[in-house]
Amino acid sequence: VDEKRKKEVLPSGNIVKKIYKDPATSITVEKYFSDHFSLRDV
């Protein structure tokens, strides 16, 4: 599906450590998985 927008990019590096240092990172990770959910387009 061409959604005319850029999908969320997963932060590089150790995600667990980044979330521990900055809890707001979890929102980015959640958006990434929502955008890249395998059956999303279907």
PDB file of all heavy atoms in Angstrom:
ATOM      1  N   VAL A   1       0.849  -1.192   0.000  1.00  0.00           N
ATOM      2  CA  VAL A   1       0.000   0.000   0.000  1.00  0.00           C
ATOM      3  C   VAL A   1       0.887   1.246   0.000  1.00  0.00           C
ATOM      4  O   VAL A   1       1.779   1.375   0.832  1.00  0.00           O
ATOM      5  CB  VAL A   1      -0.928   0.021   1.240  1.00  0.00           C
ATOM      6  CG1 VAL A   1      -1.738   1.313   1.272  1.00  0.00           C
ATOM      7  CG2 VAL A   1      -1.836  -1.192   1.231  1.00  0.00           C
ATOM      8  N   ASP A   2       0.637   2.127  -0.952  1.00  0.00           N
ATOM      9  CA  ASP A   2       1.376   3.381  -1.010  1.00  0.00           C
ATOM     10  C   ASP A   2       0.652   4.396  -0.133  1.00  0.00           C
ATOM     11  O   ASP A   2      -0.372   4.942  -0.512  1.00  0.00           O
ATOM     12  CB  ASP A   2       1.458   3.882  -2.457  1.00  0.00           C
ATOM     13  CG  ASP A   2       2.305   5.143  -2.583  1.00  0.00           C
ATOM     14  OD1 ASP A   2       2.882   5.579  -1.566  1.00  0.00           O
ATOM     15  OD2 ASP A   2       2.389   5.708  -3.694  1.00  0.00           O
ATOM     16  N   GLU A   3       1.189   4.633   1.064  1.00  0.00           N
ATOM     17  CA  GLU A   3       0.522   5.496   2.033  1.00  0.00           C
ATOM     18  C   GLU A   3       0.943   6.962   1.943  1.00  0.00           C
ATOM     19  O   GLU A   3       0.533   7.788   2.746  1.00  0.00           O
ATOM     20  CB  GLU A   3       0.766   4.983   3.448  1.00  0.00           C
ATOM     21  CG  GLU A   3       0.234   3.578   3.681  1.00  0.00           C
ATOM     22  CD  GLU A   3       0.429   3.105   5.106  1.00  0.00           C
ATOM     23  OE1 GLU A   3      -0.102   3.748   6.017  1.00  0.00           O
ATOM     24  OE2 GLU A   3       1.130   2.094   5.296  1.00  0.00           O
ATOM     25  N   LYS A   4       1.798   7.300   0.973  1.00  0.00           N
ATOM     26  CA  LYS A   4       2.235   8.676   0.774  1.00  0.00           C
ATOM     27  C   LYS A   4       2.888   9.254   2.034  1.00  0.00           C
ATOM     28  O   LYS A   4       2.725  10.436   2.353  1.00  0.00           O
ATOM     29  CB  LYS A   4       1.051   9.563   0.355  1.00  0.00           C
ATOM     30  CG  LYS A   4       0.279   9.065  -0.850  1.00  0.00           C
ATOM     31  CD  LYS A   4       1.115   9.034  -2.101  1.00  0.00           C
ATOM     32  CE  LYS A   4       0.284   8.579  -3.294  1.00  0.00           C
ATOM     33  NZ  LYS A   4       1.090   8.456  -4.538  1.00  0.00           N
ATOM     34  N   ARG A   5       3.590   8.416   2.748  1.00  0.00           N
ATOM     35  CA  ARG A   5       4.304   8.886   3.939  1.00  0.00           C
ATOM     36  C   ARG A   5       5.471   7.956   4.210  1.00  0.00           C
ATOM     37  O   ARG A   5       5.518   6.826   3.712  1.00  0.00           O
ATOM     38  CB  ARG A   5       3.378   8.911   5.155  1.00  0.00           C
ATOM     39  CG  ARG A   5       2.958   7.522   5.642  1.00  0.00           C
ATOM     40  CD  ARG A   5       2.073   7.596   6.867  1.00  0.00           C
ATOM     41  NE  ARG A   5       1.710   6.264   7.340  1.00  0.00           N
ATOM     42  CZ  ARG A   5       2.420   5.558   8.217  1.00  0.00           C
ATOM     43  NH1 ARG A   5       3.572   6.041   8.704  1.00  0.00           N
ATOM     44  NH2 ARG A   5       2.018   4.363   8.609  1.00  0.00           N
ATOM     45  N   LYS A   6       6.418   8.426   5.015  1.00  0.00           N
ATOM     46  CA  LYS A   6       7.554   7.598   5.382  1.00  0.00           C
ATOM     47  C   LYS A   6       7.206   6.792   6.624  1.00  0.00           C
ATOM     48  O   LYS A   6       6.696   7.327   7.596  1.00  0.00           O
ATOM     49  CB  LYS A   6       8.778   8.474   5.659  1.00  0.00           C
ATOM     50  CG  LYS A   6       9.372   9.121   4.411  1.00  0.00           C
ATOM     51  CD  LYS A   6      10.640   9.885   4.746  1.00  0.00           C
ATOM     52  CE  LYS A   6      11.251  10.509   3.500  1.00  0.00           C
ATOM     53  NZ  LYS A   6      12.488  11.268   3.811  1.00  0.00           N
ATOM     54  N   LYS A   7       7.499   5.505   6.551  1.00  0.00           N
ATOM     55  CA  LYS A   7       7.237   4.655   7.702  1.00  0.00           C
ATOM     56  C   LYS A   7       8.315   4.861   8.769  1.00  0.00           C
ATOM     57  O   LYS A   7       9.424   5.294   8.483  1.00  0.00           O
ATOM     58  CB  LYS A   7       7.179   3.185   7.275  1.00  0.00           C
ATOM     59  CG  LYS A   7       5.979   2.855   6.406  1.00  0.00           C
ATOM     60  CD  LYS A   7       5.900   1.367   6.111  1.00  0.00           C
ATOM     61  CE  LYS A   7       4.655   1.033   5.301  1.00  0.00           C
ATOM     62  NZ  LYS A   7       4.547  -0.423   5.027  1.00  0.00           N
ATOM     63  N   GLU A   8       7.951   4.552   9.992  1.00  0.00           N
ATOM     64  CA  GLU A   8       8.862   4.733  11.128  1.00  0.00           C
ATOM     65  C   GLU A   8      10.088   3.848  10.965  1.00  0.00           C
ATOM     66  O   GLU A   8      10.011   2.717  10.490  1.00  0.00           O
ATOM     67  CB  GLU A   8       8.147   4.382  12.438  1.00  0.00           C
ATOM     68  CG  GLU A   8       8.859   4.861  13.680  1.00  0.00           C
ATOM     69  CD  GLU A   8       8.899   6.368  13.790  1.00  0.00           C
ATOM     70  OE1 GLU A   8       7.837   7.005  13.708  1.00  0.00           O
ATOM     71  OE2 GLU A   8      10.022   6.908  13.959  1.00  0.00           O
ATOM     72  N   VAL A   9      11.247   4.389  11.342  1.00  0.00           N
ATOM     73  CA  VAL A   9      12.516   3.660  11.245  1.00  0.00           C
ATOM     74  C   VAL A   9      12.932   3.209  12.639  1.00  0.00           C
ATOM     75  O   VAL A   9      12.847   3.977  13.605  1.00  0.00           O
ATOM     76  CB  VAL A   9      13.622   4.546  10.630  1.00  0.00           C
ATOM     77  CG1 VAL A   9      14.948   3.789  10.591  1.00  0.00           C
ATOM     78  CG2 VAL A   9      13.212   4.994   9.237  1.00  0.00           C
ATOM     79  N   LEU A  10      13.372   1.972  12.745  1.00  0.00           N
ATOM     80  CA  LEU A  10      13.798   1.429  14.028  1.00  0.00           C
ATOM     81  C   LEU A  10      15.126   2.059  14.450  1.00  0.00           C
ATOM     82  O   LEU A  10      16.079   2.095  13.663  1.00  0.00           O
ATOM     83  CB  LEU A  10      13.953  -0.087  13.928  1.00  0.00           C
ATOM     84  CG  LEU A  10      14.189  -0.837  15.243  1.00  0.00           C
ATOM     85  CD1 LEU A  10      12.942  -0.751  16.118  1.00  0.00           C
ATOM     86  CD2 LEU A  10      14.542  -2.288  14.961  1.00  0.00           C
ATOM     87  N   PRO A  11      15.205   2.592  15.664  1.00  0.00           N
ATOM     88  CA  PRO A  11      16.462   3.201  16.129  1.00  0.00           C
ATOM     89  C   PRO A  11      17.599   2.189  16.074  1.00  0.00           C
ATOM     90  O   PRO A  11      17.418   1.003  16.360  1.00  0.00           O
ATOM     91  CB  PRO A  11      16.145   3.609  17.578  1.00  0.00           C
ATOM     92  CG  PRO A  11      14.662   3.735  17.614  1.00  0.00           C
ATOM     93  CD  PRO A  11      14.137   2.686  16.670  1.00  0.00           C
ATOM     94  N   SER A  12      18.773   2.649  15.725  1.00  0.00           N
ATOM     95  CA  SER A  12      19.935   1.763  15.643  1.00  0.00           C
ATOM     96  C   SER A  12      20.513   1.513  17.040  1.00  0.00           C
ATOM     97  O   SER A  12      20.212   2.240  17.989  1.00  0.00           O
ATOM     98  CB  SER A  12      21.002   2.383  14.742  1.00  0.00           C
ATOM     99  OG  SER A  12      21.404   3.649  15.250  1.00  0.00           O
ATOM    100  N   GLY A  13      21.331   0.492  17.149  1.00  0.00           N
ATOM    101  CA  GLY A  13      21.977   0.200  18.425  1.00  0.00           C
ATOM    102  C   GLY A  13      21.141  -0.692  19.325  1.00  0.00           C
ATOM    103  O   GLY A  13      20.176  -1.328  18.888  1.00  0.00           O
ATOM    104  N   ASN A  14      21.509  -0.716  20.574  1.00  0.00           N
ATOM    105  CA  ASN A  14      20.820  -1.553  21.560  1.00  0.00           C
ATOM    106  C   ASN A  14      19.505  -0.892  21.970  1.00  0.00           C
ATOM    107  O   ASN A  14      19.490   0.106  22.703  1.00  0.00           O
ATOM    108  CB  ASN A  14      21.729  -1.750  22.785  1.00  0.00           C
ATOM    109  CG  ASN A  14      21.194  -2.825  23.723  1.00  0.00           C
ATOM    110  OD1 ASN A  14      20.011  -2.824  24.053  1.00  0.00           O
ATOM    111  ND2 ASN A  14      22.069  -3.725  24.140  1.00  0.00           N
ATOM    112  N   ILE A  15      18.402  -1.444  21.502  1.00  0.00           N
ATOM    113  CA  ILE A  15      17.089  -0.849  21.745  1.00  0.00           C
ATOM    114  C   ILE A  15      16.737  -0.849  23.232  1.00  0.00           C
ATOM    115  O   ILE A  15      16.197   0.126  23.762  1.00  0.00           O
ATOM    116  CB  ILE A  15      15.997  -1.611  20.960  1.00  0.00           C
ATOM    117  CG1 ILE A  15      16.324  -1.604  19.459  1.00  0.00           C
ATOM    118  CG2 ILE A  15      14.635  -0.985  21.207  1.00  0.00           C
ATOM    119  CD1 ILE A  15      16.377  -0.231  18.858  1.00  0.00           C
ATOM    120  N   VAL A  16      17.072  -1.960  23.928  1.00  0.00           N
ATOM    121  CA  VAL A  16      16.727  -2.085  25.349  1.00  0.00           C
ATOM    122  C   VAL A  16      17.411  -0.991  26.160  1.00  0.00           C
ATOM    123  O   VAL A  16      16.792  -0.339  27.017  1.00  0.00           O
ATOM    124  CB  VAL A  16      17.118  -3.478  25.887  1.00  0.00           C
ATOM    125  CG1 VAL A  16      16.839  -3.560  27.391  1.00  0.00           C
ATOM    126  CG2 VAL A  16      16.355  -4.564  25.142  1.00  0.00           C
ATOM    127  N   LYS A  17      18.687  -0.771  25.883  1.00  0.00           N
ATOM    128  CA  LYS A  17      19.429   0.261  26.615  1.00  0.00           C
ATOM    129  C   LYS A  17      18.864   1.650  26.316  1.00  0.00           C
ATOM    130  O   LYS A  17      18.766   2.496  27.204  1.00  0.00           O
ATOM    131  CB  LYS A  17      20.909   0.210  26.238  1.00  0.00           C
ATOM    132  CG  LYS A  17      21.644  -0.985  26.816  1.00  0.00           C
ATOM    133  CD  LYS A  17      23.132  -0.926  26.470  1.00  0.00           C
ATOM    134  CE  LYS A  17      23.887  -2.102  27.103  1.00  0.00           C
ATOM    135  NZ  LYS A  17      25.337  -2.053  26.761  1.00  0.00           N
ATOM    136  N   LYS A  18      18.500   1.868  25.052  1.00  0.00           N
ATOM    137  CA  LYS A  18      17.962   3.181  24.673  1.00  0.00           C
ATOM    138  C   LYS A  18      16.628   3.451  25.363  1.00  0.00           C
ATOM    139  O   LYS A  18      16.361   4.572  25.797  1.00  0.00           O
ATOM    140  CB  LYS A  18      17.813   3.271  23.152  1.00  0.00           C
ATOM    141  CG  LYS A  18      19.139   3.407  22.427  1.00  0.00           C
ATOM    142  CD  LYS A  18      18.946   3.750  20.958  1.00  0.00           C
ATOM    143  CE  LYS A  18      20.288   4.025  20.285  1.00  0.00           C
ATOM    144  NZ  LYS A  18      20.141   4.435  18.886  1.00  0.00           N
ATOM    145  N   ILE A  19      15.809   2.426  25.457  1.00  0.00           N
ATOM    146  CA  ILE A  19      14.514   2.588  26.135  1.00  0.00           C
ATOM    147  C   ILE A  19      14.728   2.848  27.621  1.00  0.00           C
ATOM    148  O   ILE A  19      14.020   3.642  28.243  1.00  0.00           O
ATOM    149  CB  ILE A  19      13.628   1.345  25.921  1.00  0.00           C
ATOM    150  CG1 ILE A  19      13.222   1.240  24.440  1.00  0.00           C
ATOM    151  CG2 ILE A  19      12.379   1.406  26.790  1.00  0.00           C
ATOM    152  CD1 ILE A  19      12.428  -0.003  24.111  1.00  0.00           C
ATOM    153  N   TYR A  20      15.748   2.159  28.198  1.00  0.00           N
ATOM    154  CA  TYR A  20      16.054   2.339  29.622  1.00  0.00           C
ATOM    155  C   TYR A  20      16.508   3.771  29.902  1.00  0.00           C
ATOM    156  O   TYR A  20      16.104   4.386  30.902  1.00  0.00           O
ATOM    157  CB  TYR A  20      17.137   1.349  30.046  1.00  0.00           C
ATOM    158  CG  TYR A  20      17.531   1.475  31.498  1.00  0.00           C
ATOM    159  CD1 TYR A  20      16.716   0.959  32.508  1.00  0.00           C
ATOM    160  CD2 TYR A  20      18.719   2.118  31.855  1.00  0.00           C
ATOM    161  CE1 TYR A  20      17.069   1.083  33.840  1.00  0.00           C
ATOM    162  CE2 TYR A  20      19.078   2.259  33.185  1.00  0.00           C
ATOM    163  CZ  TYR A  20      18.253   1.737  34.182  1.00  0.00           C
ATOM    164  OH  TYR A  20      18.607   1.872  35.503  1.00  0.00           O
ATOM    165  N   LYS A  21      17.342   4.322  28.989  1.00  0.00           N
ATOM    166  CA  LYS A  21      17.829   5.692  29.172  1.00  0.00           C
ATOM    167  C   LYS A  21      16.766   6.732  28.837  1.00  0.00           C
ATOM    168  O   LYS A  21      16.652   7.766  29.478  1.00  0.00           O
ATOM    169  CB  LYS A  21      19.068   5.921  28.298  1.00  0.00           C
ATOM    170  CG  LYS A  21      20.297   5.146  28.744  1.00  0.00           C
ATOM    171  CD  LYS A  21      21.483   5.442  27.843  1.00  0.00           C
ATOM    172  CE  LYS A  21      22.727   4.686  28.299  1.00  0.00           C
ATOM    173  NZ  LYS A  21      23.899   4.967  27.413  1.00  0.00           N
ATOM    174  N   ASP A  22      15.979   6.433  27.787  1.00  0.00           N
ATOM    175  CA  ASP A  22      14.944   7.372  27.350  1.00  0.00           C
ATOM    176  C   ASP A  22      13.659   6.600  27.056  1.00  0.00           C
ATOM    177  O   ASP A  22      13.499   6.044  25.961  1.00  0.00           O
ATOM    178  CB  ASP A  22      15.409   8.132  26.103  1.00  0.00           C
ATOM    179  CG  ASP A  22      14.372   9.144  25.625  1.00  0.00           C
ATOM    180  OD1 ASP A  22      13.424   9.427  26.390  1.00  0.00           O
ATOM    181  OD2 ASP A  22      14.515   9.653  24.497  1.00  0.00           O
ATOM    182  N   PRO A  23      12.735   6.542  28.015  1.00  0.00           N
ATOM    183  CA  PRO A  23      11.483   5.779  27.826  1.00  0.00           C
ATOM    184  C   PRO A  23      10.691   6.194  26.580  1.00  0.00           C
ATOM    185  O   PRO A  23       9.929   5.396  26.039  1.00  0.00           O
ATOM    186  CB  PRO A  23      10.688   6.115  29.096  1.00  0.00           C
ATOM    187  CG  PRO A  23      11.734   6.452  30.118  1.00  0.00           C
ATOM    188  CD  PRO A  23      12.813   7.159  29.347  1.00  0.00           C
ATOM    189  N   ALA A  24      10.896   7.441  26.106  1.00  0.00           N
ATOM    190  CA  ALA A  24      10.170   7.908  24.919  1.00  0.00           C
ATOM    191  C   ALA A  24      10.542   7.089  23.684  1.00  0.00           C
ATOM    192  O   ALA A  24       9.783   7.039  22.702  1.00  0.00           O
ATOM    193  CB  ALA A  24      10.452   9.380  24.675  1.00  0.00           C
ATOM    194  N   THR A  25      11.709   6.423  23.736  1.00  0.00           N
ATOM    195  CA  THR A  25      12.139   5.582  22.604  1.00  0.00           C
ATOM    196  C   THR A  25      11.152   4.448  22.365  1.00  0.00           C
ATOM    197  O   THR A  25      10.993   3.974  21.237  1.00  0.00           O
ATOM    198  CB  THR A  25      13.543   5.004  22.867  1.00  0.00           C
ATOM    199  OG1 THR A  25      14.452   6.067  23.145  1.00  0.00           O
ATOM    200  CG2 THR A  25      14.051   4.229  21.653  1.00  0.00           C
ATOM    201  N   SER A  26      10.475   4.016  23.424  1.00  0.00           N
ATOM    202  CA  SER A  26       9.516   2.912  23.290  1.00  0.00           C
ATOM    203  C   SER A  26       8.369   3.281  22.352  1.00  0.00           C
ATOM    204  O   SER A  26       7.813   2.416  21.664  1.00  0.00           O
ATOM    205  CB  SER A  26       8.954   2.526  24.663  1.00  0.00           C
ATOM    206  OG  SER A  26       8.246   3.624  25.233  1.00  0.00           O
ATOM    207  N   ILE A  27       8.030   4.587  22.312  1.00  0.00           N
ATOM    208  CA  ILE A  27       6.965   5.040  21.412  1.00  0.00           C
ATOM    209  C   ILE A  27       7.401   4.875  19.960  1.00  0.00           C
ATOM    210  O   ILE A  27       6.630   4.423  19.109  1.00  0.00           O
ATOM    211  CB  ILE A  27       6.616   6.521  21.702  1.00  0.00           C
ATOM    212  CG1 ILE A  27       6.083   6.659  23.122  1.00  0.00           C
ATOM    213  CG2 ILE A  27       5.584   7.028  20.694  1.00  0.00           C
ATOM    214  CD1 ILE A  27       5.808   8.086  23.544  1.00  0.00           C
ATOM    215  N   THR A  28       8.664   5.231  19.689  1.00  0.00           N
ATOM    216  CA  THR A  28       9.211   5.065  18.337  1.00  0.00           C
ATOM    217  C   THR A  28       9.232   3.596  17.934  1.00  0.00           C
ATOM    218  O   THR A  28       8.878   3.240  16.800  1.00  0.00           O
ATOM    219  CB  THR A  28      10.642   5.632  18.264  1.00  0.00           C
ATOM    220  OG1 THR A  28      10.625   7.012  18.635  1.00  0.00           O
ATOM    221  CG2 THR A  28      11.216   5.506  16.856  1.00  0.00           C
ATOM    222  N   VAL A  29       9.632   2.731  18.870  1.00  0.00           N
ATOM    223  CA  VAL A  29       9.680   1.292  18.597  1.00  0.00           C
ATOM    224  C   VAL A  29       8.275   0.746  18.326  1.00  0.00           C
ATOM    225  O   VAL A  29       8.065  -0.046  17.408  1.00  0.00           O
ATOM    226  CB  VAL A  29      10.325   0.541  19.780  1.00  0.00           C
ATOM    227  CG1 VAL A  29      10.246  -0.970  19.563  1.00  0.00           C
ATOM    228  CG2 VAL A  29      11.771   0.975  19.959  1.00  0.00           C
ATOM    229  N   GLU A  30       7.306   1.215  19.124  1.00  0.00           N
ATOM    230  CA  GLU A  30       5.917   0.782  18.932  1.00  0.00           C
ATOM    231  C   GLU A  30       5.404   1.207  17.558  1.00  0.00           C
ATOM    232  O   GLU A  30       4.747   0.419  16.861  1.00  0.00           O
ATOM    233  CB  GLU A  30       5.029   1.374  20.022  1.00  0.00           C
ATOM    234  CG  GLU A  30       3.578   0.926  19.917  1.00  0.00           C
ATOM    235  CD  GLU A  30       2.702   1.550  20.986  1.00  0.00           C
ATOM    236  OE1 GLU A  30       3.235   2.286  21.845  1.00  0.00           O
ATOM    237  OE2 GLU A  30       1.489   1.312  20.950  1.00  0.00           O
ATOM    238  N   LYS A  31       5.722   2.439  17.154  1.00  0.00           N
ATOM    239  CA  LYS A  31       5.304   2.931  15.838  1.00  0.00           C
ATOM    240  C   LYS A  31       5.955   2.126  14.727  1.00  0.00           C
ATOM    241  O   LYS A  31       5.339   1.850  13.691  1.00  0.00           O
ATOM    242  CB  LYS A  31       5.657   4.408  15.692  1.00  0.00           C
ATOM    243  CG  LYS A  31       4.790   5.345  16.518  1.00  0.00           C
ATOM    244  CD  LYS A  31       5.185   6.796  16.279  1.00  0.00           C
ATOM    245  CE  LYS A  31       4.299   7.743  17.067  1.00  0.00           C
ATOM    246  NZ  LYS A  31       4.703   9.166  16.863  1.00  0.00           N
ATOM    247  N   TYR A  32       7.221   1.746  14.935  1.00  0.00           N
ATOM    248  CA  TYR A  32       7.929   0.939  13.931  1.00  0.00           C
ATOM    249  C   TYR A  32       7.217  -0.384  13.700  1.00  0.00           C
ATOM    250  O   TYR A  32       6.952  -0.779  12.556  1.00  0.00           O
ATOM    251  CB  TYR A  32       9.367   0.693  14.373  1.00  0.00           C
ATOM    252  CG  TYR A  32      10.077  -0.329  13.512  1.00  0.00           C
ATOM    253  CD1 TYR A  32      10.634   0.030  12.284  1.00  0.00           C
ATOM    254  CD2 TYR A  32      10.153  -1.664  13.907  1.00  0.00           C
ATOM    255  CE1 TYR A  32      11.261  -0.910  11.477  1.00  0.00           C
ATOM    256  CE2 TYR A  32      10.779  -2.613  13.108  1.00  0.00           C
ATOM    257  CZ  TYR A  32      11.320  -2.229  11.895  1.00  0.00           C
ATOM    258  OH  TYR A  32      11.934  -3.166  11.099  1.00  0.00           O
ATOM    259  N   PHE A  33       6.885  -1.091  14.798  1.00  0.00           N
ATOM    260  CA  PHE A  33       6.228  -2.386  14.654  1.00  0.00           C
ATOM    261  C   PHE A  33       4.814  -2.240  14.096  1.00  0.00           C
ATOM    262  O   PHE A  33       4.331  -3.114  13.372  1.00  0.00           O
ATOM    263  CB  PHE A  33       6.216  -3.124  15.992  1.00  0.00           C
ATOM    264  CG  PHE A  33       7.533  -3.759  16.342  1.00  0.00           C
ATOM    265  CD1 PHE A  33       8.337  -3.231  17.330  1.00  0.00           C
ATOM    266  CD2 PHE A  33       7.987  -4.874  15.645  1.00  0.00           C
ATOM    267  CE1 PHE A  33       9.565  -3.814  17.636  1.00  0.00           C
ATOM    268  CE2 PHE A  33       9.215  -5.460  15.933  1.00  0.00           C
ATOM    269  CZ  PHE A  33      10.009  -4.928  16.944  1.00  0.00           C
ATOM    270  N   SER A  34       4.149  -1.132  14.406  1.00  0.00           N
ATOM    271  CA  SER A  34       2.816  -0.897  13.838  1.00  0.00           C
ATOM    272  C   SER A  34       2.905  -0.677  12.333  1.00  0.00           C
ATOM    273  O   SER A  34       2.064  -1.154  11.570  1.00  0.00           O
ATOM    274  CB  SER A  34       2.177   0.331  14.504  1.00  0.00           C
ATOM    275  OG  SER A  34       1.923   0.091  15.865  1.00  0.00           O
ATOM    276  N   ASP A  35       3.944   0.049  11.900  1.00  0.00           N
ATOM    277  CA  ASP A  35       4.130   0.324  10.472  1.00  0.00           C
ATOM    278  C   ASP A  35       4.594  -0.896   9.695  1.00  0.00           C
ATOM    279  O   ASP A  35       4.329  -1.010   8.496  1.00  0.00           O
ATOM    280  CB  ASP A  35       5.150   1.457  10.278  1.00  0.00           C
ATOM    281  CG  ASP A  35       4.536   2.830  10.474  1.00  0.00           C
ATOM    282  OD1 ASP A  35       3.303   2.911  10.601  1.00  0.00           O
ATOM    283  OD2 ASP A  35       5.291   3.813  10.496  1.00  0.00           O
ATOM    284  N   HIS A  36       5.323  -1.797  10.357  1.00  0.00           N
ATOM    285  CA  HIS A  36       5.925  -2.935   9.661  1.00  0.00           C
ATOM    286  C   HIS A  36       5.274  -4.262  10.041  1.00  0.00           C
ATOM    287  O   HIS A  36       5.843  -5.325   9.779  1.00  0.00           O
ATOM    288  CB  HIS A  36       7.429  -2.976   9.944  1.00  0.00           C
ATOM    289  CG  HIS A  36       8.164  -1.778   9.417  1.00  0.00           C
ATOM    290  ND1 HIS A  36       8.680  -1.708   8.144  1.00  0.00           N
ATOM    291  CD2 HIS A  36       8.430  -0.577   9.991  1.00  0.00           C
ATOM    292  CE1 HIS A  36       9.252  -0.532   7.951  1.00  0.00           C
ATOM    293  NE2 HIS A  36       9.121   0.172   9.056  1.00  0.00           N
ATOM    294  N   PHE A  37       4.106  -4.203  10.641  1.00  0.00           N
ATOM    295  CA  PHE A  37       3.327  -5.395  10.942  1.00  0.00           C
ATOM    296  C   PHE A  37       3.150  -6.199   9.658  1.00  0.00           C
ATOM    297  O   PHE A  37       2.719  -5.671   8.632  1.00  0.00           O
ATOM    298  CB  PHE A  37       1.976  -4.966  11.513  1.00  0.00           C
ATOM    299  CG  PHE A  37       1.019  -6.084  11.754  1.00  0.00           C
ATOM    300  CD1 PHE A  37       1.288  -7.069  12.688  1.00  0.00           C
ATOM    301  CD2 PHE A  37      -0.183  -6.145  11.057  1.00  0.00           C
ATOM    302  CE1 PHE A  37       0.383  -8.097  12.926  1.00  0.00           C
ATOM    303  CE2 PHE A  37      -1.094  -7.168  11.290  1.00  0.00           C
ATOM    304  CZ  PHE A  37      -0.809  -8.143  12.222  1.00  0.00           C
ATOM    305  N   SER A  38       3.480  -7.476   9.677  1.00  0.00           N
ATOM    306  CA  SER A  38       3.607  -8.253   8.438  1.00  0.00           C
ATOM    307  C   SER A  38       2.317  -8.358   7.621  1.00  0.00           C
ATOM    308  O   SER A  38       2.372  -8.499   6.402  1.00  0.00           O
ATOM    309  CB  SER A  38       4.124  -9.667   8.762  1.00  0.00           C
ATOM    310  OG  SER A  38       3.220 -10.336   9.630  1.00  0.00           O
ATOM    311  N   LEU A  39       1.163  -8.309   8.269  1.00  0.00           N
ATOM    312  CA  LEU A  39      -0.103  -8.416   7.536  1.00  0.00           C
ATOM    313  C   LEU A  39      -0.786  -7.057   7.368  1.00  0.00           C
ATOM    314  O   LEU A  39      -1.965  -6.989   7.002  1.00  0.00           O
ATOM    315  CB  LEU A  39      -1.052  -9.378   8.260  1.00  0.00           C
ATOM    316  CG  LEU A  39      -0.631 -10.848   8.289  1.00  0.00           C
ATOM    317  CD1 LEU A  39      -1.605 -11.664   9.110  1.00  0.00           C
ATOM    318  CD2 LEU A  39      -0.525 -11.412   6.879  1.00  0.00           C
ATOM    319  N   ARG A  40      -0.053  -5.988   7.628  1.00  0.00           N
ATOM    320  CA  ARG A  40      -0.632  -4.639   7.582  1.00  0.00           C
ATOM    321  C   ARG A  40      -1.246  -4.323   6.216  1.00  0.00           C
ATOM    322  O   ARG A  40      -2.396  -3.899   6.117  1.00  0.00           O
ATOM    323  CB  ARG A  40       0.443  -3.604   7.920  1.00  0.00           C
ATOM    324  CG  ARG A  40      -0.031  -2.163   7.820  1.00  0.00           C
ATOM    325  CD  ARG A  40       1.120  -1.196   8.114  1.00  0.00           C
ATOM    326  NE  ARG A  40       0.739   0.168   7.842  1.00  0.00           N
ATOM    327  CZ  ARG A  40       0.072   0.950   8.678  1.00  0.00           C
ATOM    328  NH1 ARG A  40      -0.295   0.477   9.858  1.00  0.00           N
ATOM    329  NH2 ARG A  40      -0.245   2.190   8.351  1.00  0.00           N
ATOM    330  N   ASP A  41      -0.471  -4.537   5.148  1.00  0.00           N
ATOM    331  CA  ASP A  41      -0.949  -4.206   3.803  1.00  0.00           C
ATOM    332  C   ASP A  41      -2.167  -5.051   3.415  1.00  0.00           C
ATOM    333  O   ASP A  41      -3.103  -4.556   2.775  1.00  0.00           O
ATOM    334  CB  ASP A  41       0.167  -4.389   2.775  1.00  0.00           C
ATOM    335  CG  ASP A  41       1.262  -3.355   2.932  1.00  0.00           C
ATOM    336  OD1 ASP A  41       0.986  -2.281   3.506  1.00  0.00           O
ATOM    337  OD2 ASP A  41       2.398  -3.597   2.485  1.00  0.00           O
ATOM    338  N   VAL A  42      -2.143  -6.321   3.821  1.00  0.00           N
ATOM    339  CA  VAL A  42      -3.268  -7.211   3.520  1.00  0.00           C
ATOM    340  C   VAL A  42      -4.535  -6.705   4.200  1.00  0.00           C
ATOM    341  O   VAL A  42      -5.600  -6.588   3.574  1.00  0.00           O
ATOM    342  CB  VAL A  42      -2.969  -8.651   3.986  1.00  0.00           C
ATOM    343  CG1 VAL A  42      -4.192  -9.539   3.771  1.00  0.00           C
ATOM    344  CG2 VAL A  42      -1.769  -9.212   3.244  1.00  0.00           C
TER     345      VAL A  42
END
